Amino acid sequence: MAVVVVLGIILVFAARTSREAKAAPRVGADHWHAAYAVYDCDTFLSPFQSEFDPDGIHSHLDGVMHIHPFNSGSAGEDAQLGVFLEAMGSTVRDDRVTGPGFELDAGSDCNGDPTVIRVARFNALDLDAGPVEIYSEDFQSIRFLQNQEAFTIARVPAGAEIPPPPADRLAAAAASSGVVTSSGPENEFDPSSLSDDPLQPESTDDS
């Protein structure tokens, strides 16, 4: 009987792993694009650059997440915001956002009001509907669900409105090639392209 139970557990685990690996985004089959931004009080910070890309979820200093998994650890249900942040050398915890050159702590003042860390998910094709969901914890595990999403990682006062990423980033994501076949690991890090001041506000002019 013990052998039967063990075999049953193994089969259930194998079936779940197979199902997750086949779920979108799939290895070698999907290439999604999502706009993203880090928003501090009332200012968008400059976008990240990808220094390395071990798992196929990265950015090119364009404010766009390129999601094309290279392995099962970043595909299906495991295609998560934490994979992207690790490639960017960044973290988002319940009380802090860090990235190259900046640390944003919850509780610190924003125009006199104490702040919280939140992540807002948007449908980039229907921004008028507002955020699809606003997360207050477990940010690393936020899943990518489809092509053309948008995410804003924010330090704001509790209850404050969280805007979608700037229009130029949304346009860059929309102009990307949509769902295409993944081609393999990339390493396009160009240190000369990095801003001298990663905290320098980015213009939000929509023109």
N, C-alpha and C. Protein backbone atom coordinates (compact mmCIF):
# COMPACT_ATOMS: atom_id res chain seq x y z
N MET A 1 0.83 -1.20 0.00
CA MET A 1 0.00 0.00 0.00
C MET A 1 0.87 1.26 0.00
N ALA A 2 1.96 1.24 0.76
CA ALA A 2 2.86 2.39 0.81
C ALA A 2 3.43 2.68 -0.57
N VAL A 3 3.75 1.60 -1.30
CA VAL A 3 4.29 1.77 -2.66
C VAL A 3 3.27 2.43 -3.56
N VAL A 4 2.02 2.02 -3.44
CA VAL A 4 0.94 2.61 -4.25
C VAL A 4 0.79 4.09 -3.96
N VAL A 5 0.84 4.44 -2.67
CA VAL A 5 0.71 5.84 -2.29
C VAL A 5 1.85 6.67 -2.87
N VAL A 6 3.08 6.15 -2.75
CA VAL A 6 4.24 6.86 -3.27
C VAL A 6 4.14 7.05 -4.78
N LEU A 7 3.74 5.98 -5.48
CA LEU A 7 3.58 6.07 -6.93
C LEU A 7 2.51 7.09 -7.31
N GLY A 8 1.42 7.10 -6.52
CA GLY A 8 0.36 8.07 -6.78
C GLY A 8 0.85 9.49 -6.65
N ILE A 9 1.63 9.76 -5.61
CA ILE A 9 2.18 11.11 -5.40
C ILE A 9 3.09 11.50 -6.55
N ILE A 10 3.93 10.56 -6.98
CA ILE A 10 4.85 10.84 -8.10
C ILE A 10 4.09 11.16 -9.36
N LEU A 11 3.02 10.39 -9.63
CA LEU A 11 2.23 10.62 -10.85
C LEU A 11 1.52 11.98 -10.81
N VAL A 12 0.99 12.33 -9.64
CA VAL A 12 0.32 13.63 -9.50
C VAL A 12 1.31 14.76 -9.72
N PHE A 13 2.49 14.65 -9.13
CA PHE A 13 3.52 15.68 -9.30
C PHE A 13 3.96 15.79 -10.75
N ALA A 14 4.15 14.63 -11.39
CA ALA A 14 4.58 14.64 -12.79
C ALA A 14 3.52 15.27 -13.68
N ALA A 15 2.26 14.97 -13.42
CA ALA A 15 1.17 15.53 -14.22
C ALA A 15 1.08 17.04 -14.03
N ARG A 16 1.25 17.49 -12.79
CA ARG A 16 1.19 18.92 -12.51
C ARG A 16 2.34 19.65 -13.18
N THR A 17 3.55 19.07 -13.11
CA THR A 17 4.71 19.68 -13.74
C THR A 17 4.53 19.77 -15.24
N SER A 18 4.00 18.69 -15.84
CA SER A 18 3.77 18.68 -17.29
C SER A 18 2.75 19.74 -17.67
N ARG A 19 1.68 19.86 -16.86
CA ARG A 19 0.63 20.83 -17.15
C ARG A 19 1.17 22.25 -17.06
N GLU A 20 2.00 22.52 -16.03
CA GLU A 20 2.56 23.85 -15.87
C GLU A 20 3.50 24.19 -17.02
N ALA A 21 4.32 23.21 -17.44
CA ALA A 21 5.28 23.46 -18.50
C ALA A 21 4.59 23.77 -19.82
N LYS A 22 3.39 23.18 -20.03
CA LYS A 22 2.66 23.40 -21.27
C LYS A 22 1.80 24.65 -21.24
N ALA A 23 1.59 25.20 -20.03
CA ALA A 23 0.78 26.41 -19.91
C ALA A 23 1.55 27.60 -20.46
N ALA A 24 0.81 28.56 -21.00
CA ALA A 24 1.45 29.77 -21.52
C ALA A 24 1.91 30.67 -20.38
N PRO A 25 3.02 31.38 -20.60
CA PRO A 25 3.87 31.35 -21.79
C PRO A 25 4.73 30.09 -21.84
N ARG A 26 4.84 29.51 -23.02
CA ARG A 26 5.50 28.22 -23.20
C ARG A 26 6.94 28.41 -23.67
N VAL A 27 7.79 27.47 -23.28
CA VAL A 27 9.19 27.48 -23.71
C VAL A 27 9.25 27.31 -25.22
N GLY A 28 9.97 28.22 -25.88
CA GLY A 28 10.19 28.09 -27.31
C GLY A 28 8.97 28.34 -28.17
N ALA A 29 7.87 28.81 -27.58
CA ALA A 29 6.64 28.99 -28.36
C ALA A 29 6.01 30.36 -28.21
N ASP A 30 6.25 31.03 -27.09
CA ASP A 30 5.59 32.31 -26.83
C ASP A 30 6.61 33.40 -26.57
N HIS A 31 6.33 34.58 -27.07
CA HIS A 31 7.13 35.77 -26.79
C HIS A 31 6.16 36.91 -26.56
N TRP A 32 5.91 37.20 -25.27
CA TRP A 32 4.95 38.23 -24.89
C TRP A 32 5.68 39.53 -24.57
N HIS A 33 4.92 40.62 -24.56
CA HIS A 33 5.47 41.91 -24.19
C HIS A 33 4.53 42.61 -23.22
N ALA A 34 5.11 43.19 -22.17
CA ALA A 34 4.33 43.91 -21.16
C ALA A 34 5.08 45.17 -20.77
N ALA A 35 4.40 46.30 -20.77
CA ALA A 35 5.00 47.55 -20.30
C ALA A 35 5.12 47.50 -18.78
N TYR A 36 6.13 48.18 -18.24
CA TYR A 36 6.28 48.22 -16.79
C TYR A 36 6.88 49.57 -16.39
N ALA A 37 6.73 49.90 -15.11
CA ALA A 37 7.32 51.12 -14.58
C ALA A 37 7.45 51.01 -13.07
N VAL A 38 8.42 51.72 -12.52
CA VAL A 38 8.52 51.94 -11.07
C VAL A 38 8.09 53.37 -10.82
N TYR A 39 7.12 53.55 -9.93
CA TYR A 39 6.50 54.85 -9.68
C TYR A 39 6.73 55.23 -8.22
N ASP A 40 7.37 56.37 -7.99
CA ASP A 40 7.67 56.81 -6.63
C ASP A 40 6.94 58.10 -6.33
N CYS A 41 5.92 58.02 -5.50
CA CYS A 41 5.08 59.16 -5.09
C CYS A 41 4.32 59.73 -6.28
N ASP A 42 4.99 60.48 -7.14
CA ASP A 42 4.33 61.06 -8.30
C ASP A 42 5.27 61.10 -9.51
N THR A 43 6.31 60.26 -9.48
CA THR A 43 7.34 60.30 -10.51
C THR A 43 7.67 58.89 -10.99
N PHE A 44 7.78 58.72 -12.29
CA PHE A 44 8.24 57.45 -12.85
C PHE A 44 9.77 57.45 -12.90
N LEU A 45 10.38 56.36 -12.40
CA LEU A 45 11.83 56.22 -12.48
C LEU A 45 12.22 55.67 -13.85
N SER A 46 13.49 55.82 -14.17
CA SER A 46 13.99 55.32 -15.45
C SER A 46 13.86 53.80 -15.50
N PRO A 47 13.68 53.23 -16.70
CA PRO A 47 13.52 51.77 -16.82
C PRO A 47 14.82 51.02 -16.57
N PHE A 48 14.68 49.74 -16.29
CA PHE A 48 15.82 48.86 -16.05
C PHE A 48 16.51 48.48 -17.36
N GLN A 49 17.76 48.06 -17.24
CA GLN A 49 18.46 47.42 -18.35
C GLN A 49 18.77 45.99 -17.94
N SER A 50 18.80 45.08 -18.91
CA SER A 50 19.06 43.67 -18.64
C SER A 50 20.55 43.39 -18.68
N GLU A 51 21.11 43.03 -17.54
CA GLU A 51 22.53 42.70 -17.50
C GLU A 51 22.76 41.25 -17.90
N PHE A 52 21.83 40.39 -17.56
CA PHE A 52 21.90 39.01 -18.01
C PHE A 52 20.49 38.46 -18.07
N ASP A 53 20.34 37.36 -18.78
CA ASP A 53 18.98 36.86 -19.02
C ASP A 53 18.99 35.33 -18.99
N PRO A 54 19.11 34.74 -17.81
CA PRO A 54 19.21 33.29 -17.74
C PRO A 54 17.91 32.55 -18.03
N ASP A 55 16.77 33.23 -17.86
CA ASP A 55 15.49 32.52 -17.94
C ASP A 55 14.56 32.99 -19.05
N GLY A 56 14.92 34.06 -19.74
CA GLY A 56 14.11 34.49 -20.87
C GLY A 56 13.03 35.50 -20.52
N ILE A 57 13.18 36.22 -19.40
CA ILE A 57 12.27 37.30 -19.05
C ILE A 57 13.13 38.49 -18.67
N HIS A 58 13.15 39.53 -19.50
CA HIS A 58 14.15 40.59 -19.35
C HIS A 58 13.63 41.88 -19.97
N SER A 59 14.49 42.90 -19.99
CA SER A 59 14.16 44.18 -20.62
C SER A 59 15.40 44.74 -21.28
N HIS A 60 15.20 45.74 -22.15
CA HIS A 60 16.31 46.36 -22.89
C HIS A 60 16.33 47.87 -22.70
N LEU A 61 16.08 48.35 -21.49
CA LEU A 61 16.06 49.78 -21.20
C LEU A 61 14.95 50.49 -21.95
N ASP A 62 13.93 49.73 -22.38
CA ASP A 62 12.83 50.30 -23.16
C ASP A 62 11.52 50.35 -22.39
N GLY A 63 11.53 49.95 -21.12
CA GLY A 63 10.29 49.95 -20.34
C GLY A 63 9.35 48.83 -20.72
N VAL A 64 9.90 47.79 -21.38
CA VAL A 64 9.09 46.66 -21.83
C VAL A 64 9.69 45.36 -21.29
N MET A 65 8.85 44.51 -20.72
CA MET A 65 9.28 43.17 -20.34
C MET A 65 9.10 42.25 -21.54
N HIS A 66 10.18 41.59 -21.92
CA HIS A 66 10.15 40.62 -23.01
C HIS A 66 10.07 39.24 -22.35
N ILE A 67 8.98 38.55 -22.56
CA ILE A 67 8.68 37.31 -21.84
C ILE A 67 8.68 36.16 -22.83
N HIS A 68 9.82 35.47 -22.91
CA HIS A 68 9.91 34.29 -23.79
C HIS A 68 10.76 33.24 -23.07
N PRO A 69 10.13 32.41 -22.26
CA PRO A 69 10.85 31.50 -21.36
C PRO A 69 11.83 30.58 -22.09
N PHE A 70 13.00 30.39 -21.45
CA PHE A 70 14.00 29.47 -21.96
C PHE A 70 13.92 28.10 -21.29
N ASN A 71 13.21 28.01 -20.16
CA ASN A 71 13.17 26.75 -19.41
C ASN A 71 11.86 26.68 -18.63
N SER A 72 11.56 25.49 -18.12
CA SER A 72 10.30 25.29 -17.41
C SER A 72 10.23 26.09 -16.12
N GLY A 73 11.37 26.50 -15.57
CA GLY A 73 11.38 27.29 -14.35
C GLY A 73 10.88 28.71 -14.52
N SER A 74 10.72 29.16 -15.80
CA SER A 74 10.20 30.50 -16.04
C SER A 74 9.00 30.48 -16.98
N ALA A 75 8.41 29.30 -17.16
CA ALA A 75 7.28 29.15 -18.08
C ALA A 75 6.00 28.84 -17.31
N GLY A 76 4.87 28.96 -18.00
CA GLY A 76 3.59 28.60 -17.40
C GLY A 76 3.34 29.32 -16.10
N GLU A 77 3.00 28.59 -15.05
CA GLU A 77 2.71 29.19 -13.76
C GLU A 77 3.94 29.77 -13.09
N ASP A 78 5.13 29.41 -13.59
CA ASP A 78 6.37 29.93 -13.03
C ASP A 78 6.88 31.17 -13.76
N ALA A 79 6.16 31.65 -14.74
CA ALA A 79 6.50 32.92 -15.39
C ALA A 79 5.98 34.03 -14.49
N GLN A 80 6.84 34.53 -13.63
CA GLN A 80 6.43 35.43 -12.56
C GLN A 80 7.28 36.69 -12.53
N LEU A 81 6.76 37.72 -11.90
CA LEU A 81 7.45 38.99 -11.80
C LEU A 81 8.82 38.83 -11.15
N GLY A 82 8.94 37.91 -10.21
CA GLY A 82 10.21 37.71 -9.53
C GLY A 82 11.31 37.26 -10.46
N VAL A 83 10.98 36.51 -11.51
CA VAL A 83 11.99 36.09 -12.49
C VAL A 83 12.55 37.30 -13.21
N PHE A 84 11.66 38.20 -13.61
CA PHE A 84 12.09 39.43 -14.28
C PHE A 84 12.95 40.27 -13.35
N LEU A 85 12.50 40.46 -12.11
CA LEU A 85 13.22 41.31 -11.18
C LEU A 85 14.61 40.76 -10.88
N GLU A 86 14.75 39.44 -10.78
CA GLU A 86 16.06 38.86 -10.53
C GLU A 86 17.01 39.17 -11.68
N ALA A 87 16.53 39.07 -12.91
CA ALA A 87 17.37 39.39 -14.07
C ALA A 87 17.77 40.86 -14.07
N MET A 88 16.93 41.72 -13.48
CA MET A 88 17.21 43.15 -13.43
C MET A 88 18.07 43.53 -12.22
N GLY A 89 18.39 42.57 -11.36
CA GLY A 89 19.12 42.89 -10.15
C GLY A 89 18.28 43.68 -9.17
N SER A 90 16.98 43.38 -9.13
CA SER A 90 16.03 44.15 -8.34
C SER A 90 15.18 43.23 -7.47
N THR A 91 14.52 43.82 -6.48
CA THR A 91 13.58 43.08 -5.63
C THR A 91 12.38 43.96 -5.32
N VAL A 92 11.25 43.32 -5.10
CA VAL A 92 10.07 44.01 -4.59
C VAL A 92 9.52 43.19 -3.44
N ARG A 93 9.65 43.74 -2.22
CA ARG A 93 9.11 43.09 -1.04
C ARG A 93 7.91 43.89 -0.57
N ASP A 94 7.26 43.37 0.48
CA ASP A 94 6.08 44.06 1.01
C ASP A 94 6.43 45.46 1.54
N ASP A 95 7.71 45.67 1.90
CA ASP A 95 8.07 46.94 2.51
C ASP A 95 9.19 47.67 1.79
N ARG A 96 9.66 47.16 0.64
CA ARG A 96 10.79 47.82 -0.03
C ARG A 96 10.86 47.43 -1.50
N VAL A 97 11.22 48.42 -2.33
CA VAL A 97 11.54 48.19 -3.73
C VAL A 97 13.00 48.58 -3.92
N THR A 98 13.81 47.71 -4.49
CA THR A 98 15.20 48.04 -4.76
C THR A 98 15.50 47.82 -6.24
N GLY A 99 16.47 48.54 -6.72
CA GLY A 99 16.94 48.39 -8.08
C GLY A 99 18.31 49.02 -8.20
N PRO A 100 18.92 48.95 -9.38
CA PRO A 100 20.25 49.56 -9.54
C PRO A 100 20.23 51.05 -9.21
N GLY A 101 20.81 51.40 -8.07
CA GLY A 101 20.92 52.81 -7.70
C GLY A 101 19.79 53.37 -6.87
N PHE A 102 18.80 52.54 -6.47
CA PHE A 102 17.73 53.12 -5.66
C PHE A 102 17.15 52.11 -4.69
N GLU A 103 16.61 52.63 -3.58
CA GLU A 103 15.89 51.85 -2.59
C GLU A 103 14.67 52.67 -2.17
N LEU A 104 13.49 52.09 -2.28
CA LEU A 104 12.26 52.77 -1.90
C LEU A 104 11.63 52.00 -0.74
N ASP A 105 11.54 52.63 0.42
CA ASP A 105 11.04 51.97 1.62
C ASP A 105 9.62 52.40 1.93
N ALA A 106 8.78 51.43 2.25
CA ALA A 106 7.43 51.73 2.73
C ALA A 106 7.53 52.45 4.06
N GLY A 107 6.56 53.33 4.33
CA GLY A 107 6.53 54.07 5.58
C GLY A 107 7.15 55.44 5.48
N SER A 108 8.08 55.60 4.52
CA SER A 108 8.68 56.91 4.35
C SER A 108 7.66 57.87 3.76
N ASP A 109 7.88 59.17 3.97
CA ASP A 109 6.88 60.16 3.56
C ASP A 109 6.84 60.36 2.06
N CYS A 110 5.64 60.60 1.57
CA CYS A 110 5.41 60.99 0.18
C CYS A 110 4.50 62.22 0.25
N ASN A 111 5.11 63.39 0.09
CA ASN A 111 4.36 64.64 0.24
C ASN A 111 3.66 64.72 1.60
N GLY A 112 4.34 64.21 2.61
CA GLY A 112 3.82 64.29 3.97
C GLY A 112 3.01 63.09 4.42
N ASP A 113 2.71 62.17 3.51
CA ASP A 113 1.90 61.00 3.86
C ASP A 113 2.76 59.74 3.90
N PRO A 114 2.55 58.85 4.90
CA PRO A 114 3.29 57.59 4.93
C PRO A 114 2.91 56.72 3.73
N THR A 115 3.86 55.93 3.28
CA THR A 115 3.68 55.19 2.03
C THR A 115 3.57 53.68 2.23
N VAL A 116 3.08 53.03 1.19
CA VAL A 116 3.01 51.58 1.11
C VAL A 116 3.58 51.17 -0.25
N ILE A 117 3.91 49.88 -0.38
CA ILE A 117 4.35 49.32 -1.65
C ILE A 117 3.18 48.56 -2.27
N ARG A 118 2.92 48.81 -3.53
CA ARG A 118 1.84 48.14 -4.25
C ARG A 118 2.31 47.82 -5.68
N VAL A 119 1.70 46.82 -6.27
CA VAL A 119 1.90 46.53 -7.69
C VAL A 119 0.54 46.47 -8.36
N ALA A 120 0.37 47.25 -9.41
CA ALA A 120 -0.90 47.29 -10.14
C ALA A 120 -0.73 46.61 -11.50
N ARG A 121 -1.69 45.74 -11.81
CA ARG A 121 -1.72 45.07 -13.12
C ARG A 121 -2.79 45.76 -13.98
N PHE A 122 -2.45 46.03 -15.23
CA PHE A 122 -3.37 46.63 -16.18
C PHE A 122 -3.47 45.77 -17.44
N ASN A 123 -4.60 45.84 -18.10
CA ASN A 123 -4.72 45.33 -19.46
C ASN A 123 -4.34 46.48 -20.38
N ALA A 124 -3.20 46.38 -21.06
CA ALA A 124 -2.70 47.48 -21.86
C ALA A 124 -3.62 47.83 -23.01
N LEU A 125 -4.54 46.93 -23.35
CA LEU A 125 -5.47 47.17 -24.44
C LEU A 125 -6.77 47.81 -23.95
N ASP A 126 -6.90 47.99 -22.63
CA ASP A 126 -8.12 48.59 -22.07
C ASP A 126 -7.76 49.36 -20.80
N LEU A 127 -6.93 50.38 -20.95
CA LEU A 127 -6.48 51.14 -19.79
C LEU A 127 -7.59 51.94 -19.15
N ASP A 128 -8.62 52.28 -19.91
CA ASP A 128 -9.73 53.06 -19.36
C ASP A 128 -10.45 52.32 -18.24
N ALA A 129 -10.31 51.01 -18.21
CA ALA A 129 -10.95 50.22 -17.16
C ALA A 129 -10.22 50.31 -15.83
N GLY A 130 -9.03 50.95 -15.83
CA GLY A 130 -8.25 51.03 -14.60
C GLY A 130 -7.52 49.74 -14.32
N PRO A 131 -6.91 49.63 -13.14
CA PRO A 131 -6.16 48.42 -12.82
C PRO A 131 -7.05 47.17 -12.80
N VAL A 132 -6.54 46.09 -13.36
CA VAL A 132 -7.23 44.81 -13.29
C VAL A 132 -7.15 44.26 -11.86
N GLU A 133 -6.00 44.51 -11.24
CA GLU A 133 -5.80 44.04 -9.86
C GLU A 133 -4.68 44.87 -9.24
N ILE A 134 -4.78 45.11 -7.92
CA ILE A 134 -3.72 45.78 -7.17
C ILE A 134 -3.26 44.82 -6.07
N TYR A 135 -1.97 44.55 -6.05
CA TYR A 135 -1.40 43.59 -5.11
C TYR A 135 -0.73 44.33 -3.96
N SER A 136 -0.87 43.79 -2.75
CA SER A 136 -0.27 44.39 -1.57
C SER A 136 0.76 43.48 -0.90
N GLU A 137 0.98 42.28 -1.47
CA GLU A 137 1.95 41.36 -0.90
C GLU A 137 2.32 40.30 -1.93
N ASP A 138 3.36 39.53 -1.60
CA ASP A 138 3.79 38.40 -2.43
C ASP A 138 4.01 38.83 -3.88
N PHE A 139 4.69 39.96 -4.05
CA PHE A 139 4.88 40.53 -5.39
C PHE A 139 5.70 39.64 -6.31
N GLN A 140 6.67 38.94 -5.74
CA GLN A 140 7.55 38.12 -6.57
C GLN A 140 6.77 37.03 -7.32
N SER A 141 5.62 36.62 -6.76
CA SER A 141 4.87 35.51 -7.34
C SER A 141 3.77 35.96 -8.31
N ILE A 142 3.71 37.25 -8.61
CA ILE A 142 2.69 37.71 -9.56
C ILE A 142 2.96 37.09 -10.93
N ARG A 143 1.97 36.42 -11.49
CA ARG A 143 2.14 35.71 -12.76
C ARG A 143 1.89 36.62 -13.95
N PHE A 144 2.60 36.33 -15.04
CA PHE A 144 2.26 36.93 -16.33
C PHE A 144 1.19 36.05 -16.96
N LEU A 145 0.07 36.66 -17.32
CA LEU A 145 -1.09 35.89 -17.76
C LEU A 145 -1.35 35.94 -19.26
N GLN A 146 -0.87 37.01 -19.93
CA GLN A 146 -1.14 37.12 -21.36
C GLN A 146 -0.23 38.18 -21.97
N ASN A 147 -0.21 38.21 -23.28
CA ASN A 147 0.50 39.25 -24.01
C ASN A 147 -0.19 40.60 -23.79
N GLN A 148 0.60 41.69 -23.84
CA GLN A 148 0.08 43.06 -23.75
C GLN A 148 -0.59 43.37 -22.39
N GLU A 149 0.10 43.00 -21.32
CA GLU A 149 -0.28 43.50 -20.00
C GLU A 149 0.60 44.71 -19.67
N ALA A 150 0.33 45.34 -18.54
CA ALA A 150 1.16 46.43 -18.06
C ALA A 150 1.19 46.38 -16.54
N PHE A 151 2.35 46.74 -15.96
CA PHE A 151 2.53 46.65 -14.51
C PHE A 151 3.19 47.93 -14.01
N THR A 152 2.67 48.46 -12.89
CA THR A 152 3.31 49.58 -12.21
C THR A 152 3.65 49.15 -10.80
N ILE A 153 4.94 49.20 -10.48
CA ILE A 153 5.43 48.93 -9.12
C ILE A 153 5.52 50.29 -8.43
N ALA A 154 4.79 50.47 -7.34
CA ALA A 154 4.62 51.82 -6.80
C ALA A 154 4.91 51.92 -5.32
N ARG A 155 5.52 53.05 -4.94
CA ARG A 155 5.55 53.48 -3.54
C ARG A 155 4.67 54.72 -3.46
N VAL A 156 3.53 54.58 -2.83
CA VAL A 156 2.53 55.64 -2.80
C VAL A 156 1.83 55.64 -1.43
N PRO A 157 1.14 56.74 -1.08
CA PRO A 157 0.30 56.70 0.12
C PRO A 157 -0.81 55.66 -0.04
N ALA A 158 -1.22 55.05 1.05
CA ALA A 158 -2.28 54.05 1.00
C ALA A 158 -3.53 54.64 0.36
N GLY A 159 -4.10 53.92 -0.59
CA GLY A 159 -5.31 54.36 -1.26
C GLY A 159 -5.09 55.30 -2.42
N ALA A 160 -3.84 55.71 -2.66
CA ALA A 160 -3.57 56.62 -3.77
C ALA A 160 -3.76 55.92 -5.10
N GLU A 161 -4.14 56.68 -6.10
CA GLU A 161 -4.31 56.12 -7.44
C GLU A 161 -2.95 55.76 -8.02
N ILE A 162 -2.86 54.60 -8.63
CA ILE A 162 -1.62 54.14 -9.26
C ILE A 162 -1.81 54.20 -10.77
N PRO A 163 -1.02 54.98 -11.47
CA PRO A 163 -1.20 55.11 -12.91
C PRO A 163 -0.55 53.95 -13.66
N PRO A 164 -1.00 53.71 -14.89
CA PRO A 164 -0.30 52.74 -15.73
C PRO A 164 1.06 53.28 -16.16
N PRO A 165 1.93 52.46 -16.72
CA PRO A 165 3.22 52.96 -17.20
C PRO A 165 3.03 54.10 -18.21
N PRO A 166 4.07 54.92 -18.41
CA PRO A 166 3.98 56.04 -19.35
C PRO A 166 3.62 55.60 -20.76
N ALA A 167 3.06 56.54 -21.52
CA ALA A 167 2.54 56.23 -22.86
C ALA A 167 3.62 55.71 -23.79
N ASP A 168 4.87 56.22 -23.64
CA ASP A 168 5.90 55.76 -24.57
C ASP A 168 6.24 54.28 -24.33
N ARG A 169 6.15 53.83 -23.07
CA ARG A 169 6.44 52.42 -22.79
C ARG A 169 5.28 51.54 -23.28
N LEU A 170 4.07 52.01 -23.10
CA LEU A 170 2.92 51.25 -23.61
C LEU A 170 3.00 51.14 -25.13
N ALA A 171 3.42 52.22 -25.77
CA ALA A 171 3.55 52.20 -27.23
C ALA A 171 4.66 51.26 -27.66
N ALA A 172 5.75 51.23 -26.91
CA ALA A 172 6.86 50.34 -27.24
C ALA A 172 6.44 48.88 -27.12
N ALA A 173 5.66 48.57 -26.09
CA ALA A 173 5.17 47.20 -25.94
C ALA A 173 4.21 46.84 -27.06
N ALA A 174 3.33 47.77 -27.41
CA ALA A 174 2.36 47.51 -28.48
C ALA A 174 3.04 47.35 -29.83
N ALA A 175 4.15 48.08 -30.02
CA ALA A 175 4.85 48.03 -31.30
C ALA A 175 5.73 46.79 -31.43
N SER A 176 5.95 46.08 -30.32
CA SER A 176 6.75 44.86 -30.37
C SER A 176 6.00 43.80 -31.15
N SER A 177 6.68 42.74 -31.46
CA SER A 177 6.18 41.80 -32.47
C SER A 177 5.13 40.83 -31.98
N GLY A 178 4.62 41.02 -30.75
CA GLY A 178 3.55 40.15 -30.29
C GLY A 178 4.03 38.75 -29.96
N VAL A 179 3.23 37.77 -30.26
CA VAL A 179 3.54 36.39 -29.91
C VAL A 179 4.35 35.76 -31.03
N VAL A 180 5.63 35.51 -30.76
CA VAL A 180 6.51 34.91 -31.76
C VAL A 180 7.30 33.80 -31.10
N THR A 181 8.02 33.04 -31.89
CA THR A 181 8.80 31.93 -31.37
C THR A 181 10.03 32.43 -30.63
N SER A 182 10.29 31.88 -29.45
CA SER A 182 11.50 32.22 -28.72
C SER A 182 12.71 31.68 -29.47
N SER A 183 13.84 32.36 -29.31
CA SER A 183 15.02 31.98 -30.08
C SER A 183 16.21 31.55 -29.24
N GLY A 184 16.13 31.68 -27.90
CA GLY A 184 17.24 31.25 -27.07
C GLY A 184 17.81 32.38 -26.24
N PRO A 185 18.76 32.08 -25.34
CA PRO A 185 19.28 33.08 -24.42
C PRO A 185 19.87 34.28 -25.15
N GLU A 186 19.69 35.44 -24.52
CA GLU A 186 20.23 36.67 -25.07
C GLU A 186 21.07 37.36 -24.00
N ASN A 187 22.05 38.10 -24.40
CA ASN A 187 22.82 38.93 -23.49
C ASN A 187 23.16 40.21 -24.25
N GLU A 188 22.33 41.22 -24.08
CA GLU A 188 22.49 42.45 -24.84
C GLU A 188 22.82 43.63 -23.92
N PHE A 189 23.46 43.34 -22.80
CA PHE A 189 23.78 44.39 -21.84
C PHE A 189 24.82 45.34 -22.41
N ASP A 190 24.53 46.62 -22.41
CA ASP A 190 25.43 47.65 -22.90
C ASP A 190 25.58 48.70 -21.81
N PRO A 191 26.63 48.61 -20.99
CA PRO A 191 26.76 49.53 -19.86
C PRO A 191 26.73 50.99 -20.28
N SER A 192 27.16 51.31 -21.49
CA SER A 192 27.20 52.69 -21.93
C SER A 192 25.80 53.27 -22.10
N SER A 193 24.78 52.37 -22.17
CA SER A 193 23.42 52.85 -22.38
C SER A 193 22.73 53.22 -21.08
N LEU A 194 23.34 52.90 -19.94
CA LEU A 194 22.72 53.18 -18.67
C LEU A 194 22.76 54.67 -18.34
N SER A 195 21.70 55.16 -17.70
CA SER A 195 21.66 56.55 -17.26
C SER A 195 22.68 56.76 -16.17
N ASP A 196 23.33 57.94 -16.16
CA ASP A 196 24.26 58.25 -15.07
C ASP A 196 23.55 58.37 -13.74
N ASP A 197 22.27 58.67 -13.80
CA ASP A 197 21.48 58.86 -12.58
C ASP A 197 20.22 58.02 -12.68
N PRO A 198 20.23 56.78 -12.10
CA PRO A 198 19.06 55.91 -12.22
C PRO A 198 17.83 56.46 -11.53
N LEU A 199 17.99 57.49 -10.69
CA LEU A 199 16.83 58.09 -10.03
C LEU A 199 16.29 59.28 -10.81
N GLN A 200 16.92 59.59 -11.92
CA GLN A 200 16.47 60.74 -12.69
C GLN A 200 15.06 60.49 -13.20
N PRO A 201 14.12 61.39 -12.93
CA PRO A 201 12.75 61.16 -13.38
C PRO A 201 12.68 61.10 -14.89
N GLU A 202 11.81 60.21 -15.38
CA GLU A 202 11.60 60.11 -16.81
C GLU A 202 10.41 60.96 -17.19
N SER A 203 10.50 61.64 -18.31
CA SER A 203 9.39 62.47 -18.75
C SER A 203 8.17 61.64 -19.00
N THR A 204 7.02 62.12 -18.57
CA THR A 204 5.76 61.42 -18.82
C THR A 204 4.94 62.15 -19.87
N ASP A 205 5.60 63.03 -20.63
CA ASP A 205 4.93 63.75 -21.70
C ASP A 205 4.43 62.77 -22.76
N ASP A 206 3.15 62.78 -23.06
CA ASP A 206 2.57 61.82 -23.99
C ASP A 206 2.71 62.25 -25.44
N SER A 207 3.32 63.39 -25.70
CA SER A 207 3.40 63.87 -27.07
C SER A 207 4.41 63.08 -27.87
